[in-house]
Amino acid sequence: MDDNETPTFEPDLIRAIFKHIWIKKAQERERNGFPNTETGDSEVGAGTSKKNRPTSANTNALKLSCELLRIFISEAIQRAGTIAEAEGSTMIEPTHLERILPQLLLDF
């Protein structure tokens, strides 16, 4: 299969997930009394200090994150499928994922 045909996550989806998490973290910091360093969608000027810049990810970082997630999920499915097959099951169940997750996280 050609690299362009490999199913993967859309960078816009990953950016939206990251942005959601960054906003939640900023709100949590604000509630805990730390200054808010997130300013939403505002553009960063050349003279803006690092402390006041919104968090963002460049295009290459998003593509890499998409690929990492694709590989992580593929590996999780393969390992859980192996466990399910060894138990004589034709479906992957949550218990199969629970069994492979500790080693999978260590491997990544």
PDB file of N, CA and C in Angstrom:
ATOM      1  N   MET A   1       0.847  -1.171   0.000  1.00  0.00           N
ATOM      2  CA  MET A   1       0.000   0.000   0.000  1.00  0.00           C
ATOM      3  C   MET A   1       0.892   1.233   0.000  1.00  0.00           C
ATOM      4  N   ASP A   2       0.575   2.194  -0.830  1.00  0.00           N
ATOM      5  CA  ASP A   2       1.321   3.436  -0.946  1.00  0.00           C
ATOM      6  C   ASP A   2       1.130   4.267   0.322  1.00  0.00           C
ATOM      7  N   ASP A   3       2.136   5.072   0.684  1.00  0.00           N
ATOM      8  CA  ASP A   3       2.049   5.900   1.881  1.00  0.00           C
ATOM      9  C   ASP A   3       0.846   6.830   1.856  1.00  0.00           C
ATOM     10  N   ASN A   4       0.470   7.303   0.677  1.00  0.00           N
ATOM     11  CA  ASN A   4      -0.668   8.201   0.574  1.00  0.00           C
ATOM     12  C   ASN A   4      -1.991   7.492   0.816  1.00  0.00           C
ATOM     13  N   GLU A   5      -2.021   6.170   0.696  1.00  0.00           N
ATOM     14  CA  GLU A   5      -3.238   5.403   0.885  1.00  0.00           C
ATOM     15  C   GLU A   5      -3.371   4.836   2.293  1.00  0.00           C
ATOM     16  N   THR A   6      -2.323   4.942   3.103  1.00  0.00           N
ATOM     17  CA  THR A   6      -2.363   4.413   4.455  1.00  0.00           C
ATOM     18  C   THR A   6      -3.346   5.214   5.285  1.00  0.00           C
ATOM     19  N   PRO A   7      -4.340   4.540   5.888  1.00  0.00           N
ATOM     20  CA  PRO A   7      -5.296   5.274   6.714  1.00  0.00           C
ATOM     21  C   PRO A   7      -4.581   5.875   7.930  1.00  0.00           C
ATOM     22  N   THR A   8      -4.886   7.100   8.221  1.00  0.00           N
ATOM     23  CA  THR A   8      -4.283   7.765   9.364  1.00  0.00           C
ATOM     24  C   THR A   8      -5.264   8.788   9.913  1.00  0.00           C
ATOM     25  N   PHE A   9      -4.884   9.454  10.962  1.00  0.00           N
ATOM     26  CA  PHE A   9      -5.723  10.494  11.548  1.00  0.00           C
ATOM     27  C   PHE A   9      -5.530  11.796  10.787  1.00  0.00           C
ATOM     28  N   GLU A  10      -6.564  12.587  10.723  1.00  0.00           N
ATOM     29  CA  GLU A  10      -6.488  13.889  10.082  1.00  0.00           C
ATOM     30  C   GLU A  10      -5.758  14.856  11.011  1.00  0.00           C
ATOM     31  N   PRO A  11      -4.771  15.579  10.507  1.00  0.00           N
ATOM     32  CA  PRO A  11      -4.065  16.545  11.354  1.00  0.00           C
ATOM     33  C   PRO A  11      -4.990  17.576  12.000  1.00  0.00           C
ATOM     34  N   ASP A  12      -6.069  17.961  11.312  1.00  0.00           N
ATOM     35  CA  ASP A  12      -7.011  18.924  11.898  1.00  0.00           C
ATOM     36  C   ASP A  12      -7.702  18.348  13.128  1.00  0.00           C
ATOM     37  N   LEU A  13      -7.991  17.053  13.105  1.00  0.00           N
ATOM     38  CA  LEU A  13      -8.586  16.394  14.264  1.00  0.00           C
ATOM     39  C   LEU A  13      -7.616  16.392  15.431  1.00  0.00           C
ATOM     40  N   ILE A  14      -6.377  16.031  15.165  1.00  0.00           N
ATOM     41  CA  ILE A  14      -5.371  15.988  16.229  1.00  0.00           C
ATOM     42  C   ILE A  14      -5.129  17.390  16.775  1.00  0.00           C
ATOM     43  N   ARG A  15      -5.079  18.398  15.889  1.00  0.00           N
ATOM     44  CA  ARG A  15      -4.915  19.791  16.334  1.00  0.00           C
ATOM     45  C   ARG A  15      -6.070  20.192  17.242  1.00  0.00           C
ATOM     46  N   ALA A  16      -7.296  19.813  16.873  1.00  0.00           N
ATOM     47  CA  ALA A  16      -8.466  20.149  17.688  1.00  0.00           C
ATOM     48  C   ALA A  16      -8.396  19.464  19.053  1.00  0.00           C
ATOM     49  N   ILE A  17      -7.954  18.217  19.084  1.00  0.00           N
ATOM     50  CA  ILE A  17      -7.811  17.503  20.354  1.00  0.00           C
ATOM     51  C   ILE A  17      -6.752  18.175  21.216  1.00  0.00           C
ATOM     52  N   PHE A  18      -5.591  18.470  20.618  1.00  0.00           N
ATOM     53  CA  PHE A  18      -4.524  19.149  21.357  1.00  0.00           C
ATOM     54  C   PHE A  18      -5.013  20.491  21.895  1.00  0.00           C
ATOM     55  N   LYS A  19      -5.691  21.265  21.055  1.00  0.00           N
ATOM     56  CA  LYS A  19      -6.164  22.587  21.456  1.00  0.00           C
ATOM     57  C   LYS A  19      -7.148  22.467  22.615  1.00  0.00           C
ATOM     58  N   HIS A  20      -8.030  21.485  22.542  1.00  0.00           N
ATOM     59  CA  HIS A  20      -8.995  21.258  23.617  1.00  0.00           C
ATOM     60  C   HIS A  20      -8.264  20.976  24.931  1.00  0.00           C
ATOM     61  N   ILE A  21      -7.246  20.140  24.877  1.00  0.00           N
ATOM     62  CA  ILE A  21      -6.479  19.800  26.078  1.00  0.00           C
ATOM     63  C   ILE A  21      -5.722  21.022  26.588  1.00  0.00           C
ATOM     64  N   TRP A  22      -5.113  21.795  25.683  1.00  0.00           N
ATOM     65  CA  TRP A  22      -4.372  22.986  26.101  1.00  0.00           C
ATOM     66  C   TRP A  22      -5.293  23.986  26.788  1.00  0.00           C
ATOM     67  N   ILE A  23      -6.504  24.151  26.262  1.00  0.00           N
ATOM     68  CA  ILE A  23      -7.450  25.088  26.865  1.00  0.00           C
ATOM     69  C   ILE A  23      -7.873  24.593  28.243  1.00  0.00           C
ATOM     70  N   LYS A  24      -8.148  23.295  28.363  1.00  0.00           N
ATOM     71  CA  LYS A  24      -8.521  22.724  29.665  1.00  0.00           C
ATOM     72  C   LYS A  24      -7.411  22.922  30.684  1.00  0.00           C
ATOM     73  N   LYS A  25      -6.158  22.672  30.264  1.00  0.00           N
ATOM     74  CA  LYS A  25      -5.011  22.850  31.163  1.00  0.00           C
ATOM     75  C   LYS A  25      -4.885  24.310  31.589  1.00  0.00           C
ATOM     76  N   ALA A  26      -5.098  25.244  30.652  1.00  0.00           N
ATOM     77  CA  ALA A  26      -5.013  26.668  30.977  1.00  0.00           C
ATOM     78  C   ALA A  26      -6.097  27.049  31.990  1.00  0.00           C
ATOM     79  N   GLN A  27      -7.307  26.516  31.802  1.00  0.00           N
ATOM     80  CA  GLN A  27      -8.393  26.795  32.742  1.00  0.00           C
ATOM     81  C   GLN A  27      -8.082  26.213  34.116  1.00  0.00           C
ATOM     82  N   GLU A  28      -7.481  25.025  34.130  1.00  0.00           N
ATOM     83  CA  GLU A  28      -7.110  24.392  35.392  1.00  0.00           C
ATOM     84  C   GLU A  28      -6.036  25.212  36.110  1.00  0.00           C
ATOM     85  N   ARG A  29      -5.040  25.690  35.349  1.00  0.00           N
ATOM     86  CA  ARG A  29      -3.990  26.532  35.942  1.00  0.00           C
ATOM     87  C   ARG A  29      -4.586  27.821  36.500  1.00  0.00           C
ATOM     88  N   GLU A  30      -5.531  28.375  35.778  1.00  0.00           N
ATOM     89  CA  GLU A  30      -6.166  29.608  36.216  1.00  0.00           C
ATOM     90  C   GLU A  30      -6.937  29.390  37.513  1.00  0.00           C
ATOM     91  N   ARG A  31      -7.653  28.280  37.608  1.00  0.00           N
ATOM     92  CA  ARG A  31      -8.395  27.951  38.836  1.00  0.00           C
ATOM     93  C   ARG A  31      -7.454  27.745  40.013  1.00  0.00           C
ATOM     94  N   ASN A  32      -6.261  27.223  39.733  1.00  0.00           N
ATOM     95  CA  ASN A  32      -5.300  26.946  40.796  1.00  0.00           C
ATOM     96  C   ASN A  32      -4.436  28.153  41.138  1.00  0.00           C
ATOM     97  N   GLY A  33      -4.725  29.282  40.523  1.00  0.00           N
ATOM     98  CA  GLY A  33      -4.005  30.495  40.865  1.00  0.00           C
ATOM     99  C   GLY A  33      -2.779  30.785  40.031  1.00  0.00           C
ATOM    100  N   PHE A  34      -2.505  29.989  39.005  1.00  0.00           N
ATOM    101  CA  PHE A  34      -1.383  30.256  38.118  1.00  0.00           C
ATOM    102  C   PHE A  34      -1.855  31.170  37.006  1.00  0.00           C
ATOM    103  N   PRO A  35      -0.980  32.042  36.498  1.00  0.00           N
ATOM    104  CA  PRO A  35      -1.406  32.926  35.410  1.00  0.00           C
ATOM    105  C   PRO A  35      -1.746  32.143  34.152  1.00  0.00           C
ATOM    106  N   ASN A  36      -2.711  32.631  33.413  1.00  0.00           N
ATOM    107  CA  ASN A  36      -3.145  31.986  32.170  1.00  0.00           C
ATOM    108  C   ASN A  36      -2.172  32.340  31.057  1.00  0.00           C
ATOM    109  N   THR A  37      -1.554  31.318  30.452  1.00  0.00           N
ATOM    110  CA  THR A  37      -0.625  31.549  29.346  1.00  0.00           C
ATOM    111  C   THR A  37      -1.268  31.267  28.012  1.00  0.00           C
ATOM    112  N   GLU A  38      -2.513  30.806  27.991  1.00  0.00           N
ATOM    113  CA  GLU A  38      -3.225  30.521  26.741  1.00  0.00           C
ATOM    114  C   GLU A  38      -4.086  31.721  26.401  1.00  0.00           C
ATOM    115  N   THR A  39      -4.054  32.141  25.143  1.00  0.00           N
ATOM    116  CA  THR A  39      -4.891  33.264  24.734  1.00  0.00           C
ATOM    117  C   THR A  39      -5.813  32.879  23.588  1.00  0.00           C
ATOM    118  N   GLY A  40      -6.055  31.603  23.378  1.00  0.00           N
ATOM    119  CA  GLY A  40      -6.980  31.158  22.349  1.00  0.00           C
ATOM    120  C   GLY A  40      -6.387  31.202  20.962  1.00  0.00           C
ATOM    121  N   ASP A  41      -7.101  31.834  20.017  1.00  0.00           N
ATOM    122  CA  ASP A  41      -6.695  31.826  18.614  1.00  0.00           C
ATOM    123  C   ASP A  41      -5.921  33.070  18.189  1.00  0.00           C
ATOM    124  N   SER A  42      -5.515  33.922  19.130  1.00  0.00           N
ATOM    125  CA  SER A  42      -4.848  35.161  18.726  1.00  0.00           C
ATOM    126  C   SER A  42      -3.518  34.873  18.043  1.00  0.00           C
ATOM    127  N   GLU A  43      -3.163  35.756  17.128  1.00  0.00           N
ATOM    128  CA  GLU A  43      -1.909  35.622  16.396  1.00  0.00           C
ATOM    129  C   GLU A  43      -0.767  36.121  17.262  1.00  0.00           C
ATOM    130  N   VAL A  44       0.401  35.528  17.084  1.00  0.00           N
ATOM    131  CA  VAL A  44       1.577  35.890  17.849  1.00  0.00           C
ATOM    132  C   VAL A  44       2.395  36.888  17.061  1.00  0.00           C
ATOM    133  N   GLY A  45       2.732  37.989  17.701  1.00  0.00           N
ATOM    134  CA  GLY A  45       3.586  38.981  17.068  1.00  0.00           C
ATOM    135  C   GLY A  45       5.045  38.656  17.328  1.00  0.00           C
ATOM    136  N   ALA A  46       5.931  39.291  16.567  1.00  0.00           N
ATOM    137  CA  ALA A  46       7.360  39.024  16.698  1.00  0.00           C
ATOM    138  C   ALA A  46       7.882  39.401  18.069  1.00  0.00           C
ATOM    139  N   GLY A  47       7.307  40.434  18.689  1.00  0.00           N
ATOM    140  CA  GLY A  47       7.809  40.891  19.979  1.00  0.00           C
ATOM    141  C   GLY A  47       7.101  40.267  21.166  1.00  0.00           C
ATOM    142  N   THR A  48       6.220  39.359  20.947  1.00  0.00           N
ATOM    143  CA  THR A  48       5.462  38.749  22.029  1.00  0.00           C
ATOM    144  C   THR A  48       6.358  37.852  22.859  1.00  0.00           C
ATOM    145  N   SER A  49       6.278  38.006  24.159  1.00  0.00           N
ATOM    146  CA  SER A  49       7.103  37.162  25.017  1.00  0.00           C
ATOM    147  C   SER A  49       6.563  35.741  25.020  1.00  0.00           C
ATOM    148  N   LYS A  50       7.445  34.811  25.305  1.00  0.00           N
ATOM    149  CA  LYS A  50       7.059  33.399  25.278  1.00  0.00           C
ATOM    150  C   LYS A  50       5.945  33.125  26.276  1.00  0.00           C
ATOM    151  N   LYS A  51       5.949  33.818  27.390  1.00  0.00           N
ATOM    152  CA  LYS A  51       4.959  33.592  28.435  1.00  0.00           C
ATOM    153  C   LYS A  51       3.546  33.898  27.946  1.00  0.00           C
ATOM    154  N   ASN A  52       3.395  34.858  27.030  1.00  0.00           N
ATOM    155  CA  ASN A  52       2.076  35.284  26.572  1.00  0.00           C
ATOM    156  C   ASN A  52       1.644  34.643  25.260  1.00  0.00           C
ATOM    157  N   ARG A  53       2.445  33.790  24.669  1.00  0.00           N
ATOM    158  CA  ARG A  53       2.096  33.153  23.395  1.00  0.00           C
ATOM    159  C   ARG A  53       1.105  32.014  23.601  1.00  0.00           C
ATOM    160  N   PRO A  54       0.170  31.866  22.673  1.00  0.00           N
ATOM    161  CA  PRO A  54      -0.724  30.702  22.763  1.00  0.00           C
ATOM    162  C   PRO A  54       0.039  29.429  22.380  1.00  0.00           C
ATOM    163  N   THR A  55      -0.359  28.326  22.945  1.00  0.00           N
ATOM    164  CA  THR A  55       0.274  27.058  22.611  1.00  0.00           C
ATOM    165  C   THR A  55      -0.176  26.632  21.221  1.00  0.00           C
ATOM    166  N   SER A  56       0.766  26.153  20.419  1.00  0.00           N
ATOM    167  CA  SER A  56       0.427  25.691  19.078  1.00  0.00           C
ATOM    168  C   SER A  56       1.396  24.585  18.678  1.00  0.00           C
ATOM    169  N   ALA A  57       1.052  23.899  17.613  1.00  0.00           N
ATOM    170  CA  ALA A  57       1.922  22.838  17.088  1.00  0.00           C
ATOM    171  C   ALA A  57       2.111  23.092  15.601  1.00  0.00           C
ATOM    172  N   ASN A  58       3.333  22.906  15.130  1.00  0.00           N
ATOM    173  CA  ASN A  58       3.548  23.128  13.700  1.00  0.00           C
ATOM    174  C   ASN A  58       3.064  21.922  12.902  1.00  0.00           C
ATOM    175  N   THR A  59       3.016  22.081  11.609  1.00  0.00           N
ATOM    176  CA  THR A  59       2.456  21.063  10.711  1.00  0.00           C
ATOM    177  C   THR A  59       3.190  19.740  10.814  1.00  0.00           C
ATOM    178  N   ASN A  60       4.506  19.767  10.861  1.00  0.00           N
ATOM    179  CA  ASN A  60       5.273  18.526  10.948  1.00  0.00           C
ATOM    180  C   ASN A  60       5.027  17.796  12.262  1.00  0.00           C
ATOM    181  N   ALA A  61       4.891  18.547  13.355  1.00  0.00           N
ATOM    182  CA  ALA A  61       4.603  17.929  14.651  1.00  0.00           C
ATOM    183  C   ALA A  61       3.236  17.250  14.627  1.00  0.00           C
ATOM    184  N   LEU A  62       2.270  17.871  13.966  1.00  0.00           N
ATOM    185  CA  LEU A  62       0.940  17.265  13.869  1.00  0.00           C
ATOM    186  C   LEU A  62       0.966  16.004  13.021  1.00  0.00           C
ATOM    187  N   LYS A  63       1.699  16.040  11.907  1.00  0.00           N
ATOM    188  CA  LYS A  63       1.808  14.841  11.064  1.00  0.00           C
ATOM    189  C   LYS A  63       2.476  13.705  11.831  1.00  0.00           C
ATOM    190  N   LEU A  64       3.510  14.035  12.577  1.00  0.00           N
ATOM    191  CA  LEU A  64       4.208  13.023  13.370  1.00  0.00           C
ATOM    192  C   LEU A  64       3.295  12.459  14.455  1.00  0.00           C
ATOM    193  N   SER A  65       2.514  13.325  15.091  1.00  0.00           N
ATOM    194  CA  SER A  65       1.570  12.868  16.115  1.00  0.00           C
ATOM    195  C   SER A  65       0.520  11.936  15.516  1.00  0.00           C
ATOM    196  N   CYS A  66       0.048  12.264  14.316  1.00  0.00           N
ATOM    197  CA  CYS A  66      -0.928  11.406  13.622  1.00  0.00           C
ATOM    198  C   CYS A  66      -0.334  10.031  13.364  1.00  0.00           C
ATOM    199  N   GLU A  67       0.894  10.008  12.889  1.00  0.00           N
ATOM    200  CA  GLU A  67       1.550   8.733  12.585  1.00  0.00           C
ATOM    201  C   GLU A  67       1.793   7.925  13.860  1.00  0.00           C
ATOM    202  N   LEU A  68       2.209   8.584  14.927  1.00  0.00           N
ATOM    203  CA  LEU A  68       2.430   7.894  16.196  1.00  0.00           C
ATOM    204  C   LEU A  68       1.134   7.276  16.716  1.00  0.00           C
ATOM    205  N   LEU A  69       0.048   8.016  16.652  1.00  0.00           N
ATOM    206  CA  LEU A  69      -1.245   7.471  17.086  1.00  0.00           C
ATOM    207  C   LEU A  69      -1.673   6.295  16.224  1.00  0.00           C
ATOM    208  N   ARG A  70      -1.466   6.408  14.909  1.00  0.00           N
ATOM    209  CA  ARG A  70      -1.829   5.309  14.005  1.00  0.00           C
ATOM    210  C   ARG A  70      -1.056   4.049  14.354  1.00  0.00           C
ATOM    211  N   ILE A  71       0.238   4.182  14.557  1.00  0.00           N
ATOM    212  CA  ILE A  71       1.071   3.025  14.890  1.00  0.00           C
ATOM    213  C   ILE A  71       0.690   2.458  16.260  1.00  0.00           C
ATOM    214  N   PHE A  72       0.452   3.333  17.226  1.00  0.00           N
ATOM    215  CA  PHE A  72       0.083   2.898  18.578  1.00  0.00           C
ATOM    216  C   PHE A  72      -1.206   2.085  18.551  1.00  0.00           C
ATOM    217  N   ILE A  73      -2.212   2.586  17.861  1.00  0.00           N
ATOM    218  CA  ILE A  73      -3.502   1.891  17.806  1.00  0.00           C
ATOM    219  C   ILE A  73      -3.398   0.587  17.015  1.00  0.00           C
ATOM    220  N   SER A  74      -2.646   0.606  15.919  1.00  0.00           N
ATOM    221  CA  SER A  74      -2.448  -0.627  15.142  1.00  0.00           C
ATOM    222  C   SER A  74      -1.770  -1.698  15.988  1.00  0.00           C
ATOM    223  N   GLU A  75      -0.753  -1.295  16.726  1.00  0.00           N
ATOM    224  CA  GLU A  75      -0.033  -2.244  17.585  1.00  0.00           C
ATOM    225  C   GLU A  75      -0.944  -2.764  18.696  1.00  0.00           C
ATOM    226  N   ALA A  76      -1.765  -1.899  19.272  1.00  0.00           N
ATOM    227  CA  ALA A  76      -2.694  -2.330  20.324  1.00  0.00           C
ATOM    228  C   ALA A  76      -3.680  -3.356  19.779  1.00  0.00           C
ATOM    229  N   ILE A  77      -4.192  -3.124  18.587  1.00  0.00           N
ATOM    230  CA  ILE A  77      -5.142  -4.060  17.987  1.00  0.00           C
ATOM    231  C   ILE A  77      -4.462  -5.394  17.680  1.00  0.00           C
ATOM    232  N   GLN A  78      -3.257  -5.346  17.146  1.00  0.00           N
ATOM    233  CA  GLN A  78      -2.541  -6.588  16.830  1.00  0.00           C
ATOM    234  C   GLN A  78      -2.262  -7.400  18.092  1.00  0.00           C
ATOM    235  N   ARG A  79      -1.771  -6.742  19.134  1.00  0.00           N
ATOM    236  CA  ARG A  79      -1.456  -7.460  20.378  1.00  0.00           C
ATOM    237  C   ARG A  79      -2.713  -8.009  21.038  1.00  0.00           C
ATOM    238  N   ALA A  80      -3.774  -7.201  21.085  1.00  0.00           N
ATOM    239  CA  ALA A  80      -5.025  -7.670  21.686  1.00  0.00           C
ATOM    240  C   ALA A  80      -5.613  -8.808  20.853  1.00  0.00           C
ATOM    241  N   GLY A  81      -5.473  -8.737  19.525  1.00  0.00           N
ATOM    242  CA  GLY A  81      -5.943  -9.825  18.660  1.00  0.00           C
ATOM    243  C   GLY A  81      -5.200 -11.116  18.915  1.00  0.00           C
ATOM    244  N   THR A  82      -3.907 -11.017  19.167  1.00  0.00           N
ATOM    245  CA  THR A  82      -3.113 -12.210  19.479  1.00  0.00           C
ATOM    246  C   THR A  82      -3.600 -12.863  20.769  1.00  0.00           C
ATOM    247  N   ILE A  83      -3.883 -12.043  21.778  1.00  0.00           N
ATOM    248  CA  ILE A  83      -4.396 -12.566  23.057  1.00  0.00           C
ATOM    249  C   ILE A  83      -5.767 -13.199  22.852  1.00  0.00           C
ATOM    250  N   ALA A  84      -6.623 -12.519  22.107  1.00  0.00           N
ATOM    251  CA  ALA A  84      -7.967 -13.045  21.858  1.00  0.00           C
ATOM    252  C   ALA A  84      -7.890 -14.374  21.108  1.00  0.00           C
ATOM    253  N   GLU A  85      -7.019 -14.433  20.110  1.00  0.00           N
ATOM    254  CA  GLU A  85      -6.844 -15.657  19.327  1.00  0.00           C
ATOM    255  C   GLU A  85      -6.339 -16.804  20.201  1.00  0.00           C
ATOM    256  N   ALA A  86      -5.412 -16.504  21.101  1.00  0.00           N
ATOM    257  CA  ALA A  86      -4.872 -17.530  21.999  1.00  0.00           C
ATOM    258  C   ALA A  86      -5.947 -18.078  22.931  1.00  0.00           C
ATOM    259  N   GLU A  87      -6.931 -17.244  23.250  1.00  0.00           N
ATOM    260  CA  GLU A  87      -8.032 -17.684  24.113  1.00  0.00           C
ATOM    261  C   GLU A  87      -9.171 -18.308  23.319  1.00  0.00           C
ATOM    262  N   GLY A  88      -9.047 -18.360  22.008  1.00  0.00           N
ATOM    263  CA  GLY A  88     -10.072 -18.964  21.174  1.00  0.00           C
ATOM    264  C   GLY A  88     -11.229 -18.039  20.859  1.00  0.00           C
ATOM    265  N   SER A  89     -11.055 -16.758  21.071  1.00  0.00           N
ATOM    266  CA  SER A  89     -12.109 -15.791  20.802  1.00  0.00           C
ATOM    267  C   SER A  89     -11.933 -15.214  19.400  1.00  0.00           C
ATOM    268  N   THR A  90     -13.035 -14.844  18.781  1.00  0.00           N
ATOM    269  CA  THR A  90     -12.969 -14.228  17.450  1.00  0.00           C
ATOM    270  C   THR A  90     -13.128 -12.707  17.524  1.00  0.00           C
ATOM    271  N   MET A  91     -13.363 -12.190  18.732  1.00  0.00           N
ATOM    272  CA  MET A  91     -13.522 -10.749  18.929  1.00  0.00           C
ATOM    273  C   MET A  91     -12.569 -10.257  20.001  1.00  0.00           C
ATOM    274  N   ILE A  92     -12.080  -9.057  19.814  1.00  0.00           N
ATOM    275  CA  ILE A  92     -11.253  -8.421  20.842  1.00  0.00           C
ATOM    276  C   ILE A  92     -12.192  -7.787  21.857  1.00  0.00           C
ATOM    277  N   GLU A  93     -11.971  -8.113  23.105  1.00  0.00           N
ATOM    278  CA  GLU A  93     -12.794  -7.575  24.184  1.00  0.00           C
ATOM    279  C   GLU A  93     -11.962  -6.637  25.036  1.00  0.00           C
ATOM    280  N   PRO A  94     -12.604  -5.809  25.844  1.00  0.00           N
ATOM    281  CA  PRO A  94     -11.855  -4.871  26.693  1.00  0.00           C
ATOM    282  C   PRO A  94     -10.811  -5.549  27.582  1.00  0.00           C
ATOM    283  N   THR A  95     -11.095  -6.760  28.027  1.00  0.00           N
ATOM    284  CA  THR A  95     -10.120  -7.460  28.880  1.00  0.00           C
ATOM    285  C   THR A  95      -8.835  -7.768  28.117  1.00  0.00           C
ATOM    286  N   HIS A  96      -8.930  -8.001  26.820  1.00  0.00           N
ATOM    287  CA  HIS A  96      -7.736  -8.258  26.014  1.00  0.00           C
ATOM    288  C   HIS A  96      -6.873  -6.996  25.952  1.00  0.00           C
ATOM    289  N   LEU A  97      -7.528  -5.861  25.768  1.00  0.00           N
ATOM    290  CA  LEU A  97      -6.802  -4.588  25.745  1.00  0.00           C
ATOM    291  C   LEU A  97      -6.179  -4.287  27.105  1.00  0.00           C
ATOM    292  N   GLU A  98      -6.903  -4.592  28.173  1.00  0.00           N
ATOM    293  CA  GLU A  98      -6.375  -4.364  29.514  1.00  0.00           C
ATOM    294  C   GLU A  98      -5.114  -5.188  29.764  1.00  0.00           C
ATOM    295  N   ARG A  99      -5.068  -6.363  29.202  1.00  0.00           N
ATOM    296  CA  ARG A  99      -3.917  -7.239  29.418  1.00  0.00           C
ATOM    297  C   ARG A  99      -2.682  -6.787  28.658  1.00  0.00           C
ATOM    298  N   ILE A 100      -2.865  -6.189  27.483  1.00  0.00           N
ATOM    299  CA  ILE A 100      -1.699  -5.793  26.685  1.00  0.00           C
ATOM    300  C   ILE A 100      -1.256  -4.359  26.977  1.00  0.00           C
ATOM    301  N   LEU A 101      -2.108  -3.565  27.582  1.00  0.00           N
ATOM    302  CA  LEU A 101      -1.833  -2.147  27.749  1.00  0.00           C
ATOM    303  C   LEU A 101      -0.559  -1.830  28.547  1.00  0.00           C
ATOM    304  N   PRO A 102      -0.285  -2.475  29.688  1.00  0.00           N
ATOM    305  CA  PRO A 102       0.932  -2.110  30.429  1.00  0.00           C
ATOM    306  C   PRO A 102       2.210  -2.254  29.588  1.00  0.00           C
ATOM    307  N   GLN A 103       2.379  -3.376  28.910  1.00  0.00           N
ATOM    308  CA  GLN A 103       3.586  -3.582  28.113  1.00  0.00           C
ATOM    309  C   GLN A 103       3.601  -2.656  26.898  1.00  0.00           C
ATOM    310  N   LEU A 104       2.446  -2.423  26.301  1.00  0.00           N
ATOM    311  CA  LEU A 104       2.367  -1.525  25.158  1.00  0.00           C
ATOM    312  C   LEU A 104       2.818  -0.127  25.528  1.00  0.00           C
ATOM    313  N   LEU A 105       2.359   0.360  26.667  1.00  0.00           N
ATOM    314  CA  LEU A 105       2.777   1.697  27.112  1.00  0.00           C
ATOM    315  C   LEU A 105       4.266   1.755  27.406  1.00  0.00           C
ATOM    316  N   LEU A 106       4.813   0.692  27.949  1.00  0.00           N
ATOM    317  CA  LEU A 106       6.262   0.649  28.183  1.00  0.00           C
ATOM    318  C   LEU A 106       7.035   0.639  26.876  1.00  0.00           C
ATOM    319  N   ASP A 107       6.506  -0.025  25.869  1.00  0.00           N
ATOM    320  CA  ASP A 107       7.186  -0.103  24.579  1.00  0.00           C
ATOM    321  C   ASP A 107       7.154   1.214  23.822  1.00  0.00           C
ATOM    322  N   PHE A 108       6.163   2.036  24.082  1.00  0.00           N
ATOM    323  CA  PHE A 108       6.067   3.318  23.400  1.00  0.00           C
ATOM    324  C   PHE A 108       6.655   4.399  24.267  1.00  0.00           C
TER     325      PHE A 108
END
